[in-house]
Amino acid sequence: MKYFGTDGIRGVVGKKINENLIKKLGKAIVCYLNKHYLPKKIVVGNDSRITSHYIFAVLNSVLLKYGVETHNIGRCTSPCLAYVTRKNNFPLGLMISASHNPKEYNGLKFFNTDGEKVADAFEAEIELYMDKTKKLKINYAQSTNCPQLKNDYISMLKNIKKCNYPCIIDCANGGASDIARQIFASTKLVNCNPNGNNINENAGCTHIEVLSSLCRQKGLVGFAFDGDADRIIAVDKFGSVIDGDKILFILSKFFVSFNSTIVGTVNTNSALQDAVKNRNISLMRTPVGDKFIYQQMKKIKSMLGGEDSGHIIIKKYTNTGDGILTAICLMNILNLTNLDFNQLLTDYNEYAMAKANLNLTKPFKQTQNIKMMIDKYTRDGARIIIRPSGTEPVLRVFVEHKDKAKANKMLSTLVALCKAITKH
């Protein structure tokens, strides 16, 4: 698509995310609501980036001019915005966030009235309206600040939380900060003081080494979110990282029945597939992206899905990835079983995974040499994935193999071949 990537529209503010694009998007929202005879209102939330206020101001001016009411719940998480959208029957929810990206980025992503990330068809239609000049009727509407709408989401989380498990929580100086203070009042919170410019800065999922070091020093488990808290990575008391695949395995013991299916992605460690097979549970893979995971979950009526990066969807409670919710569920499990992460992961024998990100300045196309090398490594028992990121300008190269040395060697060869292309 021209504007939308894997997870909404995202880019550097002042470049891709500029006033012209925001105004075009605002008019497209108006056209969409008119076309489908939907109520002329949307609910909007944002993470902690200072640029979110500018984006909302520009977008709001367009929506209000053409008769769409805006209900602004302010700083929050993406799963909170999704919950509020569904709970209050808004036709659309709009989250202003660039998730795990650095502060100079921002973005916009939509949720439908069921609190689900919108389908590709919605994004295609919005893009059509963005590039189509159409005169709209001026019909001024009003904007309402309604932070109290977050209270139902907070109450839901409090009802699920069964214990005050001793741990450390890293809020990435992001959208989770305010909510976490209310949910985990007696828990040690770090990176929980957003100032508009420190989101994801040496904090949260993208800098898990910070929490890992702290957990090792304190002898406590930890949970880290990304900027909009739709992702989670855990850490055990020894500082070892518990990624999304391991979290899925632990949750599968409590949220998935025998003869069921959980949903992962092409990046999901094959150890998960092997481990759940012992309980007659199968793993189905999708392209990378939590919206693809959810679409497949919905199609096959799966109760659990996620990806290694930490998007975890527990269908019993929500229709989207939720870091805070997942942390609560893991705390409940640790408390209920009186086991640590190592004990809960006894049957999980991880495959070696080697990964690299290469800067990408132009469209990438695999050469015959790369295809031949992938075929060769696949015959040797490897799983290879080479794909452009849908959220940032990088090429992701991924190798999985039971032998760590082989995985690293294969990755080095593939990276060298890919660099030869991306440099020209």
Protein backbone atom coordinates (compact mmCIF):
# COMPACT_ATOMS: atom_id res chain seq x y z
CA MET A 1 0.00 0.00 0.00
CA LYS A 2 1.04 3.61 -0.49
CA TYR A 3 0.52 4.91 3.06
CA PHE A 4 -0.22 1.96 5.34
CA GLY A 5 2.39 -0.53 6.51
CA THR A 6 2.17 -3.60 8.74
CA ASP A 7 0.68 -1.61 11.59
CA GLY A 8 -1.04 1.53 10.35
CA ILE A 9 0.67 4.62 8.96
CA ARG A 10 4.06 5.29 10.49
CA GLY A 11 7.07 7.50 9.81
CA VAL A 12 9.27 10.37 10.93
CA VAL A 13 7.23 13.44 11.91
CA GLY A 14 7.88 16.33 9.55
CA LYS A 15 8.77 13.96 6.74
CA LYS A 16 6.31 11.14 6.02
CA ILE A 17 4.00 12.18 8.86
CA ASN A 18 3.33 15.76 7.81
CA GLU A 19 0.45 18.21 7.86
CA ASN A 20 -0.65 17.37 4.32
CA LEU A 21 -0.85 13.64 5.02
CA ILE A 22 -2.72 14.14 8.29
CA LYS A 23 -5.30 16.39 6.62
CA LYS A 24 -5.77 13.89 3.80
CA LEU A 25 -6.30 11.15 6.36
CA GLY A 26 -8.83 13.28 8.23
CA LYS A 27 -10.88 13.82 5.08
CA ALA A 28 -10.63 10.10 4.27
CA ILE A 29 -12.09 9.25 7.69
CA VAL A 30 -15.01 11.59 6.98
CA CYS A 31 -15.57 9.97 3.57
CA TYR A 32 -15.45 6.49 5.11
CA LEU A 33 -18.02 7.28 7.81
CA ASN A 34 -20.29 8.96 5.24
CA LYS A 35 -19.98 6.11 2.75
CA HIS A 36 -20.93 3.46 5.31
CA TYR A 37 -23.63 5.52 7.05
CA LEU A 38 -21.82 5.27 10.38
CA PRO A 39 -22.23 7.61 13.36
CA LYS A 40 -20.05 10.67 12.88
CA LYS A 41 -17.76 10.15 15.85
CA ILE A 42 -14.44 8.54 16.69
CA VAL A 43 -12.42 7.97 19.85
CA VAL A 44 -8.75 8.96 19.87
CA GLY A 45 -5.84 8.11 22.16
CA ASN A 46 -2.09 8.62 22.04
CA ASP A 47 1.15 7.38 23.55
CA SER A 48 3.58 9.76 25.27
CA ARG A 49 5.29 11.35 22.23
CA ILE A 50 5.22 15.13 22.23
CA THR A 51 4.35 15.12 18.52
CA SER A 52 1.07 13.34 19.27
CA HIS A 53 -0.46 16.66 20.33
CA TYR A 54 0.43 18.27 17.01
CA ILE A 55 -0.95 15.31 15.03
CA PHE A 56 -4.19 15.33 16.99
CA ALA A 57 -4.59 19.09 16.58
CA VAL A 58 -4.25 18.92 12.79
CA LEU A 59 -6.48 15.84 12.49
CA ASN A 60 -9.05 17.28 14.88
CA SER A 61 -9.39 20.51 12.89
CA VAL A 62 -10.36 18.51 9.79
CA LEU A 63 -12.73 16.11 11.50
CA LEU A 64 -14.56 18.85 13.42
CA LYS A 65 -14.90 21.00 10.30
CA TYR A 66 -16.70 18.22 8.46
CA GLY A 67 -19.00 17.07 11.24
CA VAL A 68 -17.15 14.24 13.01
CA GLU A 69 -17.19 14.34 16.82
CA THR A 70 -13.87 13.47 18.45
CA HIS A 71 -13.64 11.91 21.90
CA ASN A 72 -10.09 12.25 23.19
CA ILE A 73 -9.05 9.90 26.02
CA GLY A 74 -5.49 11.22 26.06
CA ARG A 75 -2.37 9.28 26.97
CA CYS A 76 -3.01 5.56 27.02
CA THR A 77 -2.01 2.22 25.50
CA SER A 78 -3.19 0.79 22.20
CA PRO A 79 -5.07 -2.07 23.93
CA CYS A 80 -6.76 0.48 26.18
CA LEU A 81 -7.92 2.45 23.14
CA ALA A 82 -9.15 -0.79 21.53
CA TYR A 83 -11.10 -1.69 24.68
CA VAL A 84 -12.69 1.76 24.92
CA THR A 85 -13.69 1.61 21.24
CA ARG A 86 -15.49 -1.71 21.73
CA LYS A 87 -16.96 -0.92 25.16
CA ASN A 88 -18.53 2.33 23.96
CA ASN A 89 -19.53 1.22 20.46
CA PHE A 90 -17.48 3.81 18.62
CA PRO A 91 -17.44 3.09 14.87
CA LEU A 92 -13.69 3.74 14.84
CA GLY A 93 -10.85 4.08 17.31
CA LEU A 94 -7.69 5.91 16.30
CA MET A 95 -4.41 5.48 18.18
CA ILE A 96 -1.64 8.01 17.62
CA SER A 97 1.53 6.05 18.24
CA ALA A 98 4.66 4.66 16.63
CA SER A 99 4.83 1.81 19.13
CA HIS A 100 8.44 0.62 19.59
CA ASN A 101 10.00 3.18 17.22
CA PRO A 102 12.22 6.06 18.47
CA LYS A 103 10.77 9.41 19.51
CA GLU A 104 11.18 11.07 16.10
CA TYR A 105 8.63 8.64 14.66
CA ASN A 106 4.90 8.72 15.12
CA GLY A 107 1.95 7.06 13.46
CA LEU A 108 -1.77 6.41 13.28
CA LYS A 109 -3.53 3.07 13.52
CA PHE A 110 -7.19 2.18 13.58
CA PHE A 111 -9.44 -0.20 15.50
CA ASN A 112 -12.93 -1.19 14.42
CA THR A 113 -16.00 -1.16 16.62
CA ASP A 114 -15.14 -4.64 17.95
CA GLY A 115 -11.75 -3.45 19.19
CA GLU A 116 -9.94 -5.29 16.41
CA LYS A 117 -7.20 -3.89 14.21
CA VAL A 118 -8.86 -2.95 10.95
CA ALA A 119 -8.69 -5.23 7.93
CA ASP A 120 -6.65 -4.57 4.79
CA ALA A 121 -9.87 -3.68 2.95
CA PHE A 122 -10.45 -0.76 5.34
CA GLU A 123 -6.92 0.55 4.80
CA ALA A 124 -7.26 0.20 1.03
CA GLU A 125 -10.50 2.16 1.09
CA ILE A 126 -8.97 4.89 3.26
CA GLU A 127 -6.03 5.16 0.85
CA LEU A 128 -8.46 5.50 -2.04
CA TYR A 129 -10.15 8.45 -0.33
CA MET A 130 -6.80 10.02 0.60
CA ASP A 131 -5.79 10.22 -3.06
CA LYS A 132 -9.20 11.24 -4.32
CA THR A 133 -10.13 14.92 -4.25
CA LYS A 134 -13.68 15.29 -3.03
CA LYS A 135 -15.53 18.34 -1.81
CA LEU A 136 -17.00 17.76 1.63
CA LYS A 137 -19.87 19.57 3.28
CA ILE A 138 -18.86 21.78 6.19
CA ASN A 139 -20.84 20.82 9.28
CA TYR A 140 -19.00 21.74 12.47
CA ALA A 141 -18.88 19.23 15.32
CA GLN A 142 -17.46 19.28 18.85
CA SER A 143 -14.48 17.68 20.53
CA THR A 144 -14.63 16.20 24.03
CA ASN A 145 -11.80 15.32 26.38
CA CYS A 146 -12.90 12.14 28.15
CA PRO A 147 -10.03 10.48 30.04
CA GLN A 148 -12.62 8.82 32.29
CA LEU A 149 -13.40 6.34 29.51
CA LYS A 150 -10.13 4.59 30.44
CA ASN A 151 -11.57 3.63 33.83
CA ASP A 152 -13.50 0.61 32.51
CA TYR A 153 -10.30 -0.79 31.01
CA ILE A 154 -8.41 -0.26 34.26
CA SER A 155 -11.23 -1.94 36.22
CA MET A 156 -11.12 -4.92 33.87
CA LEU A 157 -7.40 -5.37 34.49
CA LYS A 158 -7.81 -5.02 38.25
CA ASN A 159 -10.47 -7.74 38.22
CA ILE A 160 -8.11 -10.15 36.42
CA LYS A 161 -5.18 -9.40 38.74
CA LYS A 162 -5.23 -11.96 41.57
CA CYS A 163 -2.00 -11.14 43.41
CA ASN A 164 0.70 -8.57 44.09
CA TYR A 165 3.58 -10.59 42.69
CA PRO A 166 7.03 -9.15 43.50
CA CYS A 167 8.54 -7.94 40.23
CA ILE A 168 9.87 -4.95 38.29
CA ILE A 169 7.87 -3.34 35.49
CA ASP A 170 9.46 -1.23 32.74
CA CYS A 171 6.91 1.10 31.12
CA ALA A 172 9.30 2.40 28.41
CA ASN A 173 8.31 5.98 29.41
CA GLY A 174 5.32 5.35 27.15
CA GLY A 175 1.57 5.08 27.09
CA ALA A 176 1.48 2.47 29.86
CA SER A 177 2.93 4.80 32.48
CA ASP A 178 -0.28 6.29 33.91
CA ILE A 179 -2.26 3.04 33.77
CA ALA A 180 0.56 1.01 35.32
CA ARG A 181 0.65 3.31 38.35
CA GLN A 182 -2.99 2.48 39.01
CA ILE A 183 -2.74 -1.27 38.34
CA PHE A 184 0.60 -1.93 40.04
CA ALA A 185 0.51 0.55 42.90
CA SER A 186 2.68 -1.64 45.16
CA THR A 187 5.11 -2.76 42.41
CA LYS A 188 8.50 -1.30 41.49
CA LEU A 189 8.03 0.68 38.28
CA VAL A 190 10.94 1.91 36.17
CA ASN A 191 11.01 4.16 33.10
CA CYS A 192 7.59 5.39 34.11
CA ASN A 193 8.12 9.16 33.80
CA PRO A 194 7.36 10.21 30.21
CA ASN A 195 8.38 13.74 29.23
CA GLY A 196 7.36 13.60 25.57
CA ASN A 197 10.85 12.86 24.31
CA ASN A 198 12.08 9.81 26.24
CA ILE A 199 9.73 7.11 24.95
CA ASN A 200 11.61 3.83 24.31
CA GLU A 201 14.90 5.60 25.14
CA ASN A 202 17.11 2.97 26.79
CA ALA A 203 13.91 1.48 28.12
CA GLY A 204 11.23 -1.10 27.49
CA CYS A 205 11.12 -4.02 25.05
CA THR A 206 13.62 -2.53 22.62
CA HIS A 207 16.26 -2.19 25.33
CA ILE A 208 15.51 -5.28 27.38
CA GLU A 209 19.14 -5.38 28.58
CA VAL A 210 18.29 -2.52 30.98
CA LEU A 211 15.56 -4.50 32.74
CA SER A 212 17.63 -7.69 32.51
CA SER A 213 20.48 -6.10 34.44
CA LEU A 214 18.12 -4.70 37.06
CA CYS A 215 16.34 -8.04 37.57
CA ARG A 216 19.67 -9.81 37.99
CA GLN A 217 20.76 -7.27 40.62
CA LYS A 218 17.49 -7.42 42.57
CA GLY A 219 16.76 -11.15 42.10
CA LEU A 220 13.27 -10.35 40.79
CA VAL A 221 11.37 -11.18 37.61
CA GLY A 222 10.49 -8.29 35.32
CA PHE A 223 8.13 -7.26 32.54
CA ALA A 224 8.88 -4.68 29.86
CA PHE A 225 6.43 -3.00 27.48
CA ASP A 226 6.95 -1.00 24.31
CA GLY A 227 5.79 2.57 23.71
CA ASP A 228 2.09 1.76 23.35
CA ALA A 229 2.22 -1.41 25.52
CA ASP A 230 0.74 -3.82 23.00
CA ARG A 231 3.95 -5.84 23.41
CA ILE A 232 5.65 -7.48 26.38
CA ILE A 233 8.98 -9.18 27.02
CA ALA A 234 9.62 -10.86 30.39
CA VAL A 235 12.86 -11.41 32.30
CA ASP A 236 13.55 -14.04 34.97
CA LYS A 237 15.31 -13.33 38.27
CA PHE A 238 18.66 -14.28 36.74
CA GLY A 239 18.30 -11.71 33.94
CA SER A 240 17.45 -14.22 31.19
CA VAL A 241 15.01 -12.95 28.56
CA ILE A 242 11.62 -14.65 28.18
CA ASP A 243 10.48 -13.66 24.69
CA GLY A 244 7.03 -13.86 23.13
CA ASP A 245 7.41 -17.49 22.00
CA LYS A 246 8.27 -18.65 25.52
CA ILE A 247 5.42 -16.58 26.93
CA LEU A 248 3.05 -18.28 24.48
CA PHE A 249 4.25 -21.69 25.65
CA ILE A 250 3.63 -20.83 29.30
CA LEU A 251 0.19 -19.36 28.59
CA SER A 252 -0.77 -22.35 26.42
CA LYS A 253 -0.72 -24.54 29.54
CA PHE A 254 -3.48 -22.45 31.10
CA PHE A 255 -5.49 -20.95 28.24
CA VAL A 256 -5.49 -23.65 25.55
CA SER A 257 -7.23 -27.03 25.72
CA PHE A 258 -6.05 -30.31 24.17
CA ASN A 259 -6.56 -30.74 20.42
CA SER A 260 -6.55 -26.98 19.87
CA THR A 261 -4.44 -24.61 17.79
CA ILE A 262 -2.35 -21.62 18.74
CA VAL A 263 -1.26 -19.05 16.17
CA GLY A 264 2.28 -17.77 15.68
CA THR A 265 4.20 -16.27 12.77
CA VAL A 266 6.88 -17.38 10.35
CA ASN A 267 9.38 -16.10 12.96
CA THR A 268 8.02 -18.27 15.79
CA ASN A 269 10.68 -20.56 17.22
CA SER A 270 10.13 -24.18 16.18
CA ALA A 271 10.65 -25.16 19.82
CA LEU A 272 7.12 -23.94 20.49
CA GLN A 273 5.70 -26.18 17.78
CA ASP A 274 7.60 -29.19 19.19
CA ALA A 275 6.67 -28.49 22.82
CA VAL A 276 2.91 -28.03 22.39
CA LYS A 277 2.71 -31.08 20.12
CA ASN A 278 3.11 -33.21 23.24
CA ARG A 279 -0.33 -31.98 24.34
CA ASN A 280 -1.94 -32.44 20.92
CA ILE A 281 -1.84 -28.70 20.34
CA SER A 282 -0.80 -27.50 16.89
CA LEU A 283 0.90 -24.29 15.80
CA MET A 284 -0.35 -22.37 12.78
CA ARG A 285 1.93 -19.73 11.27
CA THR A 286 1.03 -16.39 9.64
CA PRO A 287 3.05 -13.52 8.16
CA VAL A 288 4.69 -11.24 10.73
CA GLY A 289 2.21 -8.82 12.29
CA ASP A 290 -0.26 -9.20 15.12
CA LYS A 291 -3.21 -8.25 12.91
CA PHE A 292 -2.50 -11.32 10.75
CA ILE A 293 -2.30 -13.43 13.88
CA TYR A 294 -5.66 -12.17 15.10
CA GLN A 295 -7.32 -12.66 11.71
CA GLN A 296 -6.22 -16.29 11.71
CA MET A 297 -7.25 -16.76 15.36
CA LYS A 298 -10.69 -15.45 14.54
CA LYS A 299 -10.97 -17.67 11.48
CA ILE A 300 -10.11 -20.92 13.30
CA LYS A 301 -11.52 -19.87 16.70
CA SER A 302 -8.13 -20.04 18.41
CA MET A 303 -7.87 -18.73 21.97
CA LEU A 304 -4.19 -17.81 21.98
CA GLY A 305 -1.74 -16.28 19.54
CA GLY A 306 1.33 -14.09 19.37
CA GLU A 307 4.80 -13.48 18.05
CA ASP A 308 8.35 -13.53 19.38
CA SER A 309 8.47 -9.73 19.58
CA GLY A 310 5.88 -9.87 22.36
CA HIS A 311 2.47 -9.23 20.80
CA ILE A 312 0.34 -11.70 22.77
CA ILE A 313 -3.40 -12.05 22.17
CA ILE A 314 -5.44 -13.85 24.84
CA LYS A 315 -8.85 -14.13 23.20
CA LYS A 316 -10.62 -14.80 26.48
CA TYR A 317 -10.08 -11.16 27.40
CA THR A 318 -9.28 -9.08 24.33
CA ASN A 319 -9.06 -8.85 20.55
CA THR A 320 -5.59 -7.34 20.38
CA GLY A 321 -2.12 -7.67 21.88
CA ASP A 322 -1.95 -6.32 25.43
CA GLY A 323 1.31 -6.14 27.38
CA ILE A 324 -0.20 -5.17 30.74
CA LEU A 325 -2.86 -7.88 30.55
CA THR A 326 -0.25 -10.51 29.64
CA ALA A 327 1.97 -9.42 32.54
CA ILE A 328 -0.96 -9.84 34.92
CA CYS A 329 -1.70 -13.33 33.58
CA LEU A 330 1.94 -14.36 33.97
CA MET A 331 2.04 -13.01 37.53
CA ASN A 332 -1.10 -14.98 38.35
CA ILE A 333 0.50 -18.15 36.95
CA LEU A 334 3.77 -17.67 38.82
CA ASN A 335 1.85 -17.07 42.05
CA LEU A 336 -0.63 -19.93 41.53
CA THR A 337 1.94 -22.58 40.63
CA ASN A 338 4.72 -21.37 42.93
CA LEU A 339 7.09 -22.16 40.06
CA ASP A 340 9.67 -19.90 38.41
CA PHE A 341 10.04 -19.28 34.67
CA ASN A 342 12.73 -21.95 34.28
CA GLN A 343 10.44 -24.59 35.76
CA LEU A 344 7.53 -23.50 33.59
CA LEU A 345 9.77 -23.79 30.51
CA THR A 346 11.17 -27.26 31.27
CA ASP A 347 9.76 -28.82 28.07
CA TYR A 348 10.79 -25.91 25.83
CA ASN A 349 14.00 -26.73 23.93
CA GLU A 350 14.84 -23.59 21.99
CA TYR A 351 16.27 -23.65 18.48
CA ALA A 352 19.13 -21.25 17.76
CA MET A 353 17.90 -18.10 16.03
CA ALA A 354 20.28 -15.67 14.34
CA LYS A 355 18.93 -12.31 13.20
CA ALA A 356 20.19 -9.15 11.51
CA ASN A 357 18.65 -5.87 10.36
CA LEU A 358 20.08 -4.08 7.32
CA ASN A 359 19.31 -0.48 6.40
CA LEU A 360 17.08 -0.36 3.34
CA THR A 361 16.92 2.62 1.01
CA LYS A 362 15.17 1.03 -1.96
CA PRO A 363 12.85 -1.91 -2.70
CA PHE A 364 14.58 -5.25 -2.10
CA LYS A 365 14.40 -8.16 -4.49
CA GLN A 366 16.08 -11.50 -3.89
CA THR A 367 18.76 -12.49 -6.41
CA GLN A 368 19.19 -15.97 -7.78
CA ASN A 369 22.31 -16.40 -5.62
CA ILE A 370 20.30 -15.69 -2.47
CA LYS A 371 17.52 -18.08 -3.52
CA MET A 372 20.04 -20.84 -4.19
CA MET A 373 21.67 -20.30 -0.79
CA ILE A 374 18.29 -20.40 0.95
CA ASP A 375 17.48 -23.70 -0.78
CA LYS A 376 20.83 -25.13 0.28
CA TYR A 377 20.43 -24.10 3.93
CA THR A 378 16.82 -25.31 4.03
CA ARG A 379 17.97 -28.77 2.96
CA ASP A 380 20.40 -28.64 5.88
CA GLY A 381 17.53 -28.18 8.35
CA ALA A 382 17.39 -24.39 8.55
CA ARG A 383 14.44 -22.04 8.34
CA ILE A 384 15.29 -18.82 6.48
CA ILE A 385 13.27 -15.61 6.30
CA ILE A 386 14.38 -12.48 4.47
CA ARG A 387 11.82 -9.69 4.40
CA PRO A 388 11.53 -5.90 4.43
CA SER A 389 10.10 -4.59 7.70
CA GLY A 390 6.58 -3.22 7.58
CA THR A 391 7.28 -0.60 10.28
CA GLU A 392 10.76 0.79 9.55
CA PRO A 393 13.21 1.02 6.59
CA VAL A 394 15.19 -2.14 7.29
CA LEU A 395 15.62 -5.58 5.78
CA ARG A 396 15.20 -8.37 8.32
CA VAL A 397 17.30 -11.50 7.87
CA PHE A 398 16.41 -14.51 10.02
CA VAL A 399 17.98 -17.96 10.34
CA GLU A 400 16.78 -20.76 12.61
CA HIS A 401 18.68 -24.03 13.16
CA LYS A 402 19.18 -26.54 15.97
CA ASP A 403 22.94 -25.86 15.74
CA LYS A 404 23.85 -22.33 16.92
CA ALA A 405 27.19 -22.24 15.09
CA LYS A 406 25.53 -23.22 11.82
CA ALA A 407 22.80 -20.61 12.29
CA ASN A 408 25.37 -17.84 12.83
CA LYS A 409 27.48 -18.95 9.86
CA MET A 410 24.45 -19.10 7.58
CA LEU A 411 23.36 -15.65 8.75
CA SER A 412 26.80 -14.17 7.99
CA THR A 413 26.70 -15.52 4.45
CA LEU A 414 23.17 -14.30 3.79
CA VAL A 415 23.86 -10.87 5.27
CA ALA A 416 26.89 -10.47 2.99
CA LEU A 417 24.79 -11.37 -0.06
CA CYS A 418 22.00 -8.99 0.98
CA LYS A 419 24.41 -6.12 1.70
CA ALA A 420 25.77 -6.42 -1.81
CA ILE A 421 22.26 -5.59 -3.06
CA THR A 422 21.20 -2.95 -0.52
CA LYS A 423 24.40 -0.92 -0.98
CA HIS A 424 23.76 -0.26 -4.69
